[in-house]
Amino acid sequence: EKYFVVCANMLGSPYGSSGPSTINPNTAKPYYFDFPLITVRDIVRA
């Protein structure tokens, strides 16, 4: 209430951010291993 607190979900996590368990729009199925590998820098950029 005093501060504006923010926490973003990491890429690759199954809690709402894009990752291997999210749906690939090209297949209508989870990406699985078709999702690009993720680095810490990717997470920060997102």
ModelCIF file with pLDDT and N, C-alpha, C, O atoms, coordinates in Angstrom:
data_MODEL
#
_entry.id   MODEL 
#
_entity.id                         1 
_entity.type                       polymer 
_entity.pdbx_number_of_molecules   1 
#
_entity_poly.entity_id                      1 
_entity_poly.type                           'polypeptide(L)' 
_entity_poly.nstd_linkage                   no 
_entity_poly.nstd_monomer                   no 
_entity_poly.pdbx_seq_one_letter_code       EKYFVVCANMLGSPYGSSGPSTINPNTAKPYYFDFPLITVRDIVRA 
_entity_poly.pdbx_seq_one_letter_code_can   EKYFVVCANMLGSPYGSSGPSTINPNTAKPYYFDFPLITVRDIVRA 
_entity_poly.pdbx_strand_id                 A 
#
loop_
_entity_poly_seq.entity_id 
_entity_poly_seq.num 
_entity_poly_seq.mon_id 
_entity_poly_seq.hetero 
1 1  GLU n 
1 2  LYS n 
1 3  TYR n 
1 4  PHE n 
1 5  VAL n 
1 6  VAL n 
1 7  CYS n 
1 8  ALA n 
1 9  ASN n 
1 10 MET n 
1 11 LEU n 
1 12 GLY n 
1 13 SER n 
1 14 PRO n 
1 15 TYR n 
1 16 GLY n 
1 17 SER n 
1 18 SER n 
1 19 GLY n 
1 20 PRO n 
1 21 SER n 
1 22 THR n 
1 23 ILE n 
1 24 ASN n 
1 25 PRO n 
1 26 ASN n 
1 27 THR n 
1 28 ALA n 
1 29 LYS n 
1 30 PRO n 
1 31 TYR n 
1 32 TYR n 
1 33 PHE n 
1 34 ASP n 
1 35 PHE n 
1 36 PRO n 
1 37 LEU n 
1 38 ILE n 
1 39 THR n 
1 40 VAL n 
1 41 ARG n 
1 42 ASP n 
1 43 ILE n 
1 44 VAL n 
1 45 ARG n 
1 46 ALA n 
#
_struct_asym.id          A 
_struct_asym.entity_id   1 
#
loop_
_ma_qa_metric.id 
_ma_qa_metric.mode 
_ma_qa_metric.name 
_ma_qa_metric.software_group_id 
_ma_qa_metric.type 
1 global pLDDT . pLDDT 
2 local  pLDDT . pLDDT 
#
_ma_qa_metric_global.metric_id      1 
_ma_qa_metric_global.metric_value   97.54 
_ma_qa_metric_global.model_id       1 
_ma_qa_metric_global.ordinal_id     1 
#
loop_
_ma_qa_metric_local.label_asym_id 
_ma_qa_metric_local.label_comp_id 
_ma_qa_metric_local.label_seq_id 
_ma_qa_metric_local.metric_id 
_ma_qa_metric_local.metric_value 
_ma_qa_metric_local.model_id 
_ma_qa_metric_local.ordinal_id 
A GLU 1  2 98.00 1 1  
A LYS 2  2 98.00 1 2  
A TYR 3  2 98.00 1 3  
A PHE 4  2 98.00 1 4  
A VAL 5  2 98.00 1 5  
A VAL 6  2 98.00 1 6  
A CYS 7  2 98.00 1 7  
A ALA 8  2 98.00 1 8  
A ASN 9  2 98.00 1 9  
A MET 10 2 98.00 1 10 
A LEU 11 2 98.00 1 11 
A GLY 12 2 98.00 1 12 
A SER 13 2 98.00 1 13 
A PRO 14 2 98.00 1 14 
A TYR 15 2 98.00 1 15 
A GLY 16 2 97.00 1 16 
A SER 17 2 98.00 1 17 
A SER 18 2 98.00 1 18 
A GLY 19 2 98.00 1 19 
A PRO 20 2 98.00 1 20 
A SER 21 2 98.00 1 21 
A THR 22 2 98.00 1 22 
A ILE 23 2 97.00 1 23 
A ASN 24 2 96.00 1 24 
A PRO 25 2 93.00 1 25 
A ASN 26 2 92.00 1 26 
A THR 27 2 95.00 1 27 
A ALA 28 2 96.00 1 28 
A LYS 29 2 97.00 1 29 
A PRO 30 2 98.00 1 30 
A TYR 31 2 98.00 1 31 
A TYR 32 2 98.00 1 32 
A PHE 33 2 98.00 1 33 
A ASP 34 2 98.00 1 34 
A PHE 35 2 98.00 1 35 
A PRO 36 2 98.00 1 36 
A LEU 37 2 98.00 1 37 
A ILE 38 2 98.00 1 38 
A THR 39 2 98.00 1 39 
A VAL 40 2 98.00 1 40 
A ARG 41 2 98.00 1 41 
A ASP 42 2 98.00 1 42 
A ILE 43 2 98.00 1 43 
A VAL 44 2 98.00 1 44 
A ARG 45 2 98.00 1 45 
A ALA 46 2 98.00 1 46 
#
loop_
_atom_site.group_PDB 
_atom_site.id 
_atom_site.type_symbol 
_atom_site.label_atom_id 
_atom_site.label_alt_id 
_atom_site.label_comp_id 
_atom_site.label_asym_id 
_atom_site.label_entity_id 
_atom_site.label_seq_id 
_atom_site.pdbx_PDB_ins_code 
_atom_site.Cartn_x 
_atom_site.Cartn_y 
_atom_site.Cartn_z 
_atom_site.occupancy 
_atom_site.B_iso_or_equiv 
_atom_site.pdbx_formal_charge 
_atom_site.auth_seq_id 
_atom_site.auth_comp_id 
_atom_site.auth_asym_id 
_atom_site.auth_atom_id 
_atom_site.pdbx_PDB_model_num 
ATOM 1   N N  . GLU A 1 1  ? 0.825  -1.209  0.000   1.00 98.00 ? 1  GLU A N  1 
ATOM 2   C CA . GLU A 1 1  ? 0.000  0.000   0.000   1.00 98.00 ? 1  GLU A CA 1 
ATOM 3   C C  . GLU A 1 1  ? 0.860  1.261   0.000   1.00 98.00 ? 1  GLU A C  1 
ATOM 4   O O  . GLU A 1 1  ? 0.515  2.255   -0.639  1.00 98.00 ? 1  GLU A O  1 
ATOM 5   N N  . LYS A 1 2  ? 1.960  1.218   0.706   1.00 98.00 ? 2  LYS A N  1 
ATOM 6   C CA . LYS A 1 2  ? 2.866  2.370   0.761   1.00 98.00 ? 2  LYS A CA 1 
ATOM 7   C C  . LYS A 1 2  ? 3.688  2.487   -0.520  1.00 98.00 ? 2  LYS A C  1 
ATOM 8   O O  . LYS A 1 2  ? 3.882  3.586   -1.040  1.00 98.00 ? 2  LYS A O  1 
ATOM 9   N N  . TYR A 1 3  ? 4.173  1.344   -1.031  1.00 98.00 ? 3  TYR A N  1 
ATOM 10  C CA . TYR A 1 3  ? 5.009  1.301   -2.221  1.00 98.00 ? 3  TYR A CA 1 
ATOM 11  C C  . TYR A 1 3  ? 4.215  0.765   -3.417  1.00 98.00 ? 3  TYR A C  1 
ATOM 12  O O  . TYR A 1 3  ? 3.168  0.139   -3.254  1.00 98.00 ? 3  TYR A O  1 
ATOM 13  N N  . PHE A 1 4  ? 4.737  1.024   -4.618  1.00 98.00 ? 4  PHE A N  1 
ATOM 14  C CA . PHE A 1 4  ? 4.211  0.336   -5.794  1.00 98.00 ? 4  PHE A CA 1 
ATOM 15  C C  . PHE A 1 4  ? 5.122  -0.869  -6.012  1.00 98.00 ? 4  PHE A C  1 
ATOM 16  O O  . PHE A 1 4  ? 6.251  -0.726  -6.481  1.00 98.00 ? 4  PHE A O  1 
ATOM 17  N N  . VAL A 1 5  ? 4.629  -2.040  -5.672  1.00 98.00 ? 5  VAL A N  1 
ATOM 18  C CA . VAL A 1 5  ? 5.416  -3.265  -5.720  1.00 98.00 ? 5  VAL A CA 1 
ATOM 19  C C  . VAL A 1 5  ? 5.081  -4.025  -7.003  1.00 98.00 ? 5  VAL A C  1 
ATOM 20  O O  . VAL A 1 5  ? 3.912  -4.200  -7.347  1.00 98.00 ? 5  VAL A O  1 
ATOM 21  N N  . VAL A 1 6  ? 6.121  -4.473  -7.700  1.00 98.00 ? 6  VAL A N  1 
ATOM 22  C CA . VAL A 1 6  ? 5.953  -5.206  -8.956  1.00 98.00 ? 6  VAL A CA 1 
ATOM 23  C C  . VAL A 1 6  ? 6.777  -6.484  -8.900  1.00 98.00 ? 6  VAL A C  1 
ATOM 24  O O  . VAL A 1 6  ? 7.890  -6.494  -8.374  1.00 98.00 ? 6  VAL A O  1 
ATOM 25  N N  . CYS A 1 7  ? 6.230  -7.549  -9.442  1.00 98.00 ? 7  CYS A N  1 
ATOM 26  C CA . CYS A 1 7  ? 6.995  -8.789  -9.632  1.00 98.00 ? 7  CYS A CA 1 
ATOM 27  C C  . CYS A 1 7  ? 6.528  -9.407  -10.941 1.00 98.00 ? 7  CYS A C  1 
ATOM 28  O O  . CYS A 1 7  ? 5.336  -9.661  -11.117 1.00 98.00 ? 7  CYS A O  1 
ATOM 29  N N  . ALA A 1 8  ? 7.455  -9.652  -11.857 1.00 98.00 ? 8  ALA A N  1 
ATOM 30  C CA . ALA A 1 8  ? 7.130  -10.230 -13.158 1.00 98.00 ? 8  ALA A CA 1 
ATOM 31  C C  . ALA A 1 8  ? 7.532  -11.698 -13.192 1.00 98.00 ? 8  ALA A C  1 
ATOM 32  O O  . ALA A 1 8  ? 8.579  -12.079 -12.669 1.00 98.00 ? 8  ALA A O  1 
ATOM 33  N N  . ASN A 1 9  ? 6.693  -12.513 -13.810 1.00 98.00 ? 9  ASN A N  1 
ATOM 34  C CA . ASN A 1 9  ? 6.957  -13.935 -13.951 1.00 98.00 ? 9  ASN A CA 1 
ATOM 35  C C  . ASN A 1 9  ? 8.013  -14.183 -15.027 1.00 98.00 ? 9  ASN A C  1 
ATOM 36  O O  . ASN A 1 9  ? 7.934  -13.620 -16.119 1.00 98.00 ? 9  ASN A O  1 
ATOM 37  N N  . MET A 1 10 ? 8.987  -15.013 -14.722 1.00 98.00 ? 10 MET A N  1 
ATOM 38  C CA . MET A 1 10 ? 10.059 -15.291 -15.663 1.00 98.00 ? 10 MET A CA 1 
ATOM 39  C C  . MET A 1 10 ? 9.557  -15.973 -16.930 1.00 98.00 ? 10 MET A C  1 
ATOM 40  O O  . MET A 1 10 ? 8.625  -16.775 -16.882 1.00 98.00 ? 10 MET A O  1 
ATOM 41  N N  . LEU A 1 11 ? 10.176 -15.652 -18.063 1.00 98.00 ? 11 LEU A N  1 
ATOM 42  C CA . LEU A 1 11 ? 9.941  -16.430 -19.274 1.00 98.00 ? 11 LEU A CA 1 
ATOM 43  C C  . LEU A 1 11 ? 10.284 -17.891 -18.983 1.00 98.00 ? 11 LEU A C  1 
ATOM 44  O O  . LEU A 1 11 ? 11.242 -18.176 -18.265 1.00 98.00 ? 11 LEU A O  1 
ATOM 45  N N  . GLY A 1 12 ? 9.509  -18.799 -19.534 1.00 98.00 ? 12 GLY A N  1 
ATOM 46  C CA . GLY A 1 12 ? 9.756  -20.219 -19.321 1.00 98.00 ? 12 GLY A CA 1 
ATOM 47  C C  . GLY A 1 12 ? 8.974  -20.800 -18.170 1.00 98.00 ? 12 GLY A C  1 
ATOM 48  O O  . GLY A 1 12 ? 8.845  -22.020 -18.066 1.00 98.00 ? 12 GLY A O  1 
ATOM 49  N N  . SER A 1 13 ? 8.449  -19.956 -17.301 1.00 98.00 ? 13 SER A N  1 
ATOM 50  C CA . SER A 1 13 ? 7.683  -20.419 -16.154 1.00 98.00 ? 13 SER A CA 1 
ATOM 51  C C  . SER A 1 13 ? 6.266  -20.773 -16.572 1.00 98.00 ? 13 SER A C  1 
ATOM 52  O O  . SER A 1 13 ? 5.743  -20.171 -17.510 1.00 98.00 ? 13 SER A O  1 
ATOM 53  N N  . PRO A 1 14 ? 5.621  -21.737 -15.904 1.00 98.00 ? 14 PRO A N  1 
ATOM 54  C CA . PRO A 1 14 ? 4.252  -22.107 -16.279 1.00 98.00 ? 14 PRO A CA 1 
ATOM 55  C C  . PRO A 1 14 ? 3.181  -21.224 -15.645 1.00 98.00 ? 14 PRO A C  1 
ATOM 56  O O  . PRO A 1 14 ? 1.995  -21.547 -15.720 1.00 98.00 ? 14 PRO A O  1 
ATOM 57  N N  . TYR A 1 15 ? 3.581  -20.117 -15.022 1.00 98.00 ? 15 TYR A N  1 
ATOM 58  C CA . TYR A 1 15 ? 2.624  -19.270 -14.311 1.00 98.00 ? 15 TYR A CA 1 
ATOM 59  C C  . TYR A 1 15 ? 2.173  -18.055 -15.122 1.00 98.00 ? 15 TYR A C  1 
ATOM 60  O O  . TYR A 1 15 ? 1.923  -16.990 -14.556 1.00 98.00 ? 15 TYR A O  1 
ATOM 61  N N  . GLY A 1 16 ? 2.071  -18.208 -16.425 1.00 97.00 ? 16 GLY A N  1 
ATOM 62  C CA . GLY A 1 16 ? 1.458  -17.166 -17.229 1.00 97.00 ? 16 GLY A CA 1 
ATOM 63  C C  . GLY A 1 16 ? 2.344  -16.490 -18.250 1.00 97.00 ? 16 GLY A C  1 
ATOM 64  O O  . GLY A 1 16 ? 1.838  -15.803 -19.137 1.00 97.00 ? 16 GLY A O  1 
ATOM 65  N N  . SER A 1 17 ? 3.657  -16.664 -18.154 1.00 98.00 ? 17 SER A N  1 
ATOM 66  C CA . SER A 1 17 ? 4.560  -16.085 -19.147 1.00 98.00 ? 17 SER A CA 1 
ATOM 67  C C  . SER A 1 17 ? 4.846  -17.102 -20.251 1.00 98.00 ? 17 SER A C  1 
ATOM 68  O O  . SER A 1 17 ? 4.671  -18.306 -20.063 1.00 98.00 ? 17 SER A O  1 
ATOM 69  N N  . SER A 1 18 ? 5.282  -16.606 -21.386 1.00 98.00 ? 18 SER A N  1 
ATOM 70  C CA . SER A 1 18 ? 5.561  -17.490 -22.517 1.00 98.00 ? 18 SER A CA 1 
ATOM 71  C C  . SER A 1 18 ? 6.674  -18.478 -22.183 1.00 98.00 ? 18 SER A C  1 
ATOM 72  O O  . SER A 1 18 ? 7.653  -18.133 -21.522 1.00 98.00 ? 18 SER A O  1 
ATOM 73  N N  . GLY A 1 19 ? 6.506  -19.704 -22.648 1.00 98.00 ? 19 GLY A N  1 
ATOM 74  C CA . GLY A 1 19 ? 7.496  -20.741 -22.400 1.00 98.00 ? 19 GLY A CA 1 
ATOM 75  C C  . GLY A 1 19 ? 7.092  -22.018 -23.105 1.00 98.00 ? 19 GLY A C  1 
ATOM 76  O O  . GLY A 1 19 ? 6.161  -22.011 -23.909 1.00 98.00 ? 19 GLY A O  1 
ATOM 77  N N  . PRO A 1 20 ? 7.776  -23.115 -22.818 1.00 98.00 ? 20 PRO A N  1 
ATOM 78  C CA . PRO A 1 20 ? 7.515  -24.370 -23.529 1.00 98.00 ? 20 PRO A CA 1 
ATOM 79  C C  . PRO A 1 20 ? 6.127  -24.946 -23.282 1.00 98.00 ? 20 PRO A C  1 
ATOM 80  O O  . PRO A 1 20 ? 5.648  -25.753 -24.079 1.00 98.00 ? 20 PRO A O  1 
ATOM 81  N N  . SER A 1 21 ? 5.471  -24.548 -22.191 1.00 98.00 ? 21 SER A N  1 
ATOM 82  C CA . SER A 1 21 ? 4.143  -25.087 -21.904 1.00 98.00 ? 21 SER A CA 1 
ATOM 83  C C  . SER A 1 21 ? 3.008  -24.213 -22.427 1.00 98.00 ? 21 SER A C  1 
ATOM 84  O O  . SER A 1 21 ? 1.841  -24.582 -22.294 1.00 98.00 ? 21 SER A O  1 
ATOM 85  N N  . THR A 1 22 ? 3.329  -23.051 -23.025 1.00 98.00 ? 22 THR A N  1 
ATOM 86  C CA . THR A 1 22 ? 2.289  -22.216 -23.612 1.00 98.00 ? 22 THR A CA 1 
ATOM 87  C C  . THR A 1 22 ? 1.968  -22.698 -25.030 1.00 98.00 ? 22 THR A C  1 
ATOM 88  O O  . THR A 1 22 ? 2.736  -23.446 -25.636 1.00 98.00 ? 22 THR A O  1 
ATOM 89  N N  . ILE A 1 23 ? 0.833  -22.258 -25.537 1.00 97.00 ? 23 ILE A N  1 
ATOM 90  C CA . ILE A 1 23 ? 0.347  -22.760 -26.820 1.00 97.00 ? 23 ILE A CA 1 
ATOM 91  C C  . ILE A 1 23 ? 1.061  -22.071 -27.984 1.00 97.00 ? 23 ILE A C  1 
ATOM 92  O O  . ILE A 1 23 ? 1.137  -20.845 -28.063 1.00 97.00 ? 23 ILE A O  1 
ATOM 93  N N  . ASN A 1 24 ? 1.574  -22.901 -28.875 1.00 96.00 ? 24 ASN A N  1 
ATOM 94  C CA . ASN A 1 24 ? 2.172  -22.414 -30.122 1.00 96.00 ? 24 ASN A CA 1 
ATOM 95  C C  . ASN A 1 24 ? 1.029  -22.117 -31.103 1.00 96.00 ? 24 ASN A C  1 
ATOM 96  O O  . ASN A 1 24 ? 0.310  -23.038 -31.492 1.00 96.00 ? 24 ASN A O  1 
ATOM 97  N N  . PRO A 1 25 ? 0.847  -20.862 -31.510 1.00 93.00 ? 25 PRO A N  1 
ATOM 98  C CA . PRO A 1 25 ? -0.284 -20.534 -32.396 1.00 93.00 ? 25 PRO A CA 1 
ATOM 99  C C  . PRO A 1 25 ? -0.223 -21.242 -33.744 1.00 93.00 ? 25 PRO A C  1 
ATOM 100 O O  . PRO A 1 25 ? -1.237 -21.346 -34.434 1.00 93.00 ? 25 PRO A O  1 
ATOM 101 N N  . ASN A 1 26 ? 0.939  -21.721 -34.119 1.00 92.00 ? 26 ASN A N  1 
ATOM 102 C CA . ASN A 1 26 ? 1.078  -22.401 -35.414 1.00 92.00 ? 26 ASN A CA 1 
ATOM 103 C C  . ASN A 1 26 ? 0.622  -23.857 -35.370 1.00 92.00 ? 26 ASN A C  1 
ATOM 104 O O  . ASN A 1 26 ? 0.323  -24.454 -36.404 1.00 92.00 ? 26 ASN A O  1 
ATOM 105 N N  . THR A 1 27 ? 0.572  -24.426 -34.159 1.00 95.00 ? 27 THR A N  1 
ATOM 106 C CA . THR A 1 27 ? 0.204  -25.845 -34.036 1.00 95.00 ? 27 THR A CA 1 
ATOM 107 C C  . THR A 1 27 ? -1.017 -26.064 -33.142 1.00 95.00 ? 27 THR A C  1 
ATOM 108 O O  . THR A 1 27 ? -1.604 -27.146 -33.140 1.00 95.00 ? 27 THR A O  1 
ATOM 109 N N  . ALA A 1 28 ? -1.399 -25.025 -32.376 1.00 96.00 ? 28 ALA A N  1 
ATOM 110 C CA . ALA A 1 28 ? -2.484 -25.130 -31.385 1.00 96.00 ? 28 ALA A CA 1 
ATOM 111 C C  . ALA A 1 28 ? -2.149 -26.139 -30.286 1.00 96.00 ? 28 ALA A C  1 
ATOM 112 O O  . ALA A 1 28 ? -3.047 -26.633 -29.603 1.00 96.00 ? 28 ALA A O  1 
ATOM 113 N N  . LYS A 1 29 ? -0.882 -26.443 -30.117 1.00 97.00 ? 29 LYS A N  1 
ATOM 114 C CA . LYS A 1 29 ? -0.396 -27.330 -29.062 1.00 97.00 ? 29 LYS A CA 1 
ATOM 115 C C  . LYS A 1 29 ? 0.720  -26.617 -28.305 1.00 97.00 ? 29 LYS A C  1 
ATOM 116 O O  . LYS A 1 29 ? 1.250  -25.620 -28.795 1.00 97.00 ? 29 LYS A O  1 
ATOM 117 N N  . PRO A 1 30 ? 1.086  -27.105 -27.123 1.00 98.00 ? 30 PRO A N  1 
ATOM 118 C CA . PRO A 1 30 ? 2.215  -26.480 -26.421 1.00 98.00 ? 30 PRO A CA 1 
ATOM 119 C C  . PRO A 1 30 ? 3.477  -26.496 -27.281 1.00 98.00 ? 30 PRO A C  1 
ATOM 120 O O  . PRO A 1 30 ? 3.674  -27.390 -28.104 1.00 98.00 ? 30 PRO A O  1 
ATOM 121 N N  . TYR A 1 31 ? 4.317  -25.498 -27.074 1.00 98.00 ? 31 TYR A N  1 
ATOM 122 C CA . TYR A 1 31 ? 5.569  -25.438 -27.834 1.00 98.00 ? 31 TYR A CA 1 
ATOM 123 C C  . TYR A 1 31 ? 6.469  -26.639 -27.554 1.00 98.00 ? 31 TYR A C  1 
ATOM 124 O O  . TYR A 1 31 ? 7.145  -27.127 -28.460 1.00 98.00 ? 31 TYR A O  1 
ATOM 125 N N  . TYR A 1 32 ? 6.485  -27.113 -26.330 1.00 98.00 ? 32 TYR A N  1 
ATOM 126 C CA . TYR A 1 32 ? 7.455  -28.115 -25.901 1.00 98.00 ? 32 TYR A CA 1 
ATOM 127 C C  . TYR A 1 32 ? 8.870  -27.652 -26.301 1.00 98.00 ? 32 TYR A C  1 
ATOM 128 O O  . TYR A 1 32 ? 9.288  -26.556 -25.929 1.00 98.00 ? 32 TYR A O  1 
ATOM 129 N N  . PHE A 1 33 ? 9.598  -28.475 -27.049 1.00 98.00 ? 33 PHE A N  1 
ATOM 130 C CA . PHE A 1 33 ? 11.000 -28.146 -27.364 1.00 98.00 ? 33 PHE A CA 1 
ATOM 131 C C  . PHE A 1 33 ? 11.151 -27.245 -28.594 1.00 98.00 ? 33 PHE A C  1 
ATOM 132 O O  . PHE A 1 33 ? 12.270 -26.946 -29.012 1.00 98.00 ? 33 PHE A O  1 
ATOM 133 N N  . ASP A 1 34 ? 10.040 -26.820 -29.164 1.00 98.00 ? 34 ASP A N  1 
ATOM 134 C CA . ASP A 1 34 ? 10.110 -25.848 -30.250 1.00 98.00 ? 34 ASP A CA 1 
ATOM 135 C C  . ASP A 1 34 ? 10.263 -24.421 -29.721 1.00 98.00 ? 34 ASP A C  1 
ATOM 136 O O  . ASP A 1 34 ? 10.517 -23.493 -30.488 1.00 98.00 ? 34 ASP A O  1 
ATOM 137 N N  . PHE A 1 35 ? 10.109 -24.255 -28.421 1.00 98.00 ? 35 PHE A N  1 
ATOM 138 C CA . PHE A 1 35 ? 10.299 -22.917 -27.854 1.00 98.00 ? 35 PHE A CA 1 
ATOM 139 C C  . PHE A 1 35 ? 11.794 -22.611 -27.822 1.00 98.00 ? 35 PHE A C  1 
ATOM 140 O O  . PHE A 1 35 ? 12.593 -23.491 -27.504 1.00 98.00 ? 35 PHE A O  1 
ATOM 141 N N  . PRO A 1 36 ? 12.186 -21.378 -28.145 1.00 98.00 ? 36 PRO A N  1 
ATOM 142 C CA . PRO A 1 36 ? 13.619 -21.037 -28.118 1.00 98.00 ? 36 PRO A CA 1 
ATOM 143 C C  . PRO A 1 36 ? 14.210 -21.172 -26.709 1.00 98.00 ? 36 PRO A C  1 
ATOM 144 O O  . PRO A 1 36 ? 13.525 -20.957 -25.709 1.00 98.00 ? 36 PRO A O  1 
ATOM 145 N N  . LEU A 1 37 ? 15.484 -21.528 -26.655 1.00 98.00 ? 37 LEU A N  1 
ATOM 146 C CA . LEU A 1 37 ? 16.167 -21.551 -25.367 1.00 98.00 ? 37 LEU A CA 1 
ATOM 147 C C  . LEU A 1 37 ? 16.198 -20.146 -24.775 1.00 98.00 ? 37 LEU A C  1 
ATOM 148 O O  . LEU A 1 37 ? 16.314 -19.156 -25.498 1.00 98.00 ? 37 LEU A O  1 
ATOM 149 N N  . ILE A 1 38 ? 16.092 -20.074 -23.460 1.00 98.00 ? 38 ILE A N  1 
ATOM 150 C CA . ILE A 1 38 ? 15.952 -18.797 -22.747 1.00 98.00 ? 38 ILE A CA 1 
ATOM 151 C C  . ILE A 1 38 ? 17.202 -18.529 -21.920 1.00 98.00 ? 38 ILE A C  1 
ATOM 152 O O  . ILE A 1 38 ? 17.698 -19.415 -21.225 1.00 98.00 ? 38 ILE A O  1 
ATOM 153 N N  . THR A 1 39 ? 17.705 -17.305 -21.999 1.00 98.00 ? 39 THR A N  1 
ATOM 154 C CA . THR A 1 39 ? 18.828 -16.898 -21.154 1.00 98.00 ? 39 THR A CA 1 
ATOM 155 C C  . THR A 1 39 ? 18.338 -15.913 -20.102 1.00 98.00 ? 39 THR A C  1 
ATOM 156 O O  . THR A 1 39 ? 17.227 -15.389 -20.185 1.00 98.00 ? 39 THR A O  1 
ATOM 157 N N  . VAL A 1 40 ? 19.191 -15.675 -19.113 1.00 98.00 ? 40 VAL A N  1 
ATOM 158 C CA . VAL A 1 40 ? 18.867 -14.679 -18.082 1.00 98.00 ? 40 VAL A CA 1 
ATOM 159 C C  . VAL A 1 40 ? 18.643 -13.316 -18.726 1.00 98.00 ? 40 VAL A C  1 
ATOM 160 O O  . VAL A 1 40 ? 17.770 -12.561 -18.297 1.00 98.00 ? 40 VAL A O  1 
ATOM 161 N N  . ARG A 1 41 ? 19.423 -13.002 -19.748 1.00 98.00 ? 41 ARG A N  1 
ATOM 162 C CA . ARG A 1 41 ? 19.255 -11.712 -20.424 1.00 98.00 ? 41 ARG A CA 1 
ATOM 163 C C  . ARG A 1 41 ? 17.905 -11.610 -21.123 1.00 98.00 ? 41 ARG A C  1 
ATOM 164 O O  . ARG A 1 41 ? 17.318 -10.530 -21.180 1.00 98.00 ? 41 ARG A O  1 
ATOM 165 N N  . ASP A 1 42 ? 17.407 -12.729 -21.657 1.00 98.00 ? 42 ASP A N  1 
ATOM 166 C CA . ASP A 1 42 ? 16.073 -12.729 -22.246 1.00 98.00 ? 42 ASP A CA 1 
ATOM 167 C C  . ASP A 1 42 ? 15.018 -12.425 -21.180 1.00 98.00 ? 42 ASP A C  1 
ATOM 168 O O  . ASP A 1 42 ? 14.093 -11.645 -21.409 1.00 98.00 ? 42 ASP A O  1 
ATOM 169 N N  . ILE A 1 43 ? 15.171 -13.048 -20.024 1.00 98.00 ? 43 ILE A N  1 
ATOM 170 C CA . ILE A 1 43 ? 14.217 -12.830 -18.932 1.00 98.00 ? 43 ILE A CA 1 
ATOM 171 C C  . ILE A 1 43 ? 14.208 -11.358 -18.529 1.00 98.00 ? 43 ILE A C  1 
ATOM 172 O O  . ILE A 1 43 ? 13.143 -10.769 -18.339 1.00 98.00 ? 43 ILE A O  1 
ATOM 173 N N  . VAL A 1 44 ? 15.385 -10.770 -18.400 1.00 98.00 ? 44 VAL A N  1 
ATOM 174 C CA . VAL A 1 44 ? 15.478 -9.360  -18.013 1.00 98.00 ? 44 VAL A CA 1 
ATOM 175 C C  . VAL A 1 44 ? 14.889 -8.461  -19.091 1.00 98.00 ? 44 VAL A C  1 
ATOM 176 O O  . VAL A 1 44 ? 14.168 -7.512  -18.780 1.00 98.00 ? 44 VAL A O  1 
ATOM 177 N N  . ARG A 1 45 ? 15.187 -8.748  -20.353 1.00 98.00 ? 45 ARG A N  1 
ATOM 178 C CA . ARG A 1 45 ? 14.639 -7.926  -21.438 1.00 98.00 ? 45 ARG A CA 1 
ATOM 179 C C  . ARG A 1 45 ? 13.113 -7.979  -21.454 1.00 98.00 ? 45 ARG A C  1 
ATOM 180 O O  . ARG A 1 45 ? 12.458 -6.967  -21.704 1.00 98.00 ? 45 ARG A O  1 
ATOM 181 N N  . ALA A 1 46 ? 12.550 -9.151  -21.188 1.00 98.00 ? 46 ALA A N  1 
ATOM 182 C CA . ALA A 1 46 ? 11.087 -9.278  -21.142 1.00 98.00 ? 46 ALA A CA 1 
ATOM 183 C C  . ALA A 1 46 ? 10.512 -8.503  -19.962 1.00 98.00 ? 46 ALA A C  1 
ATOM 184 O O  . ALA A 1 46 ? 9.297  -8.494  -19.762 1.00 98.00 ? 46 ALA A O  1 
#
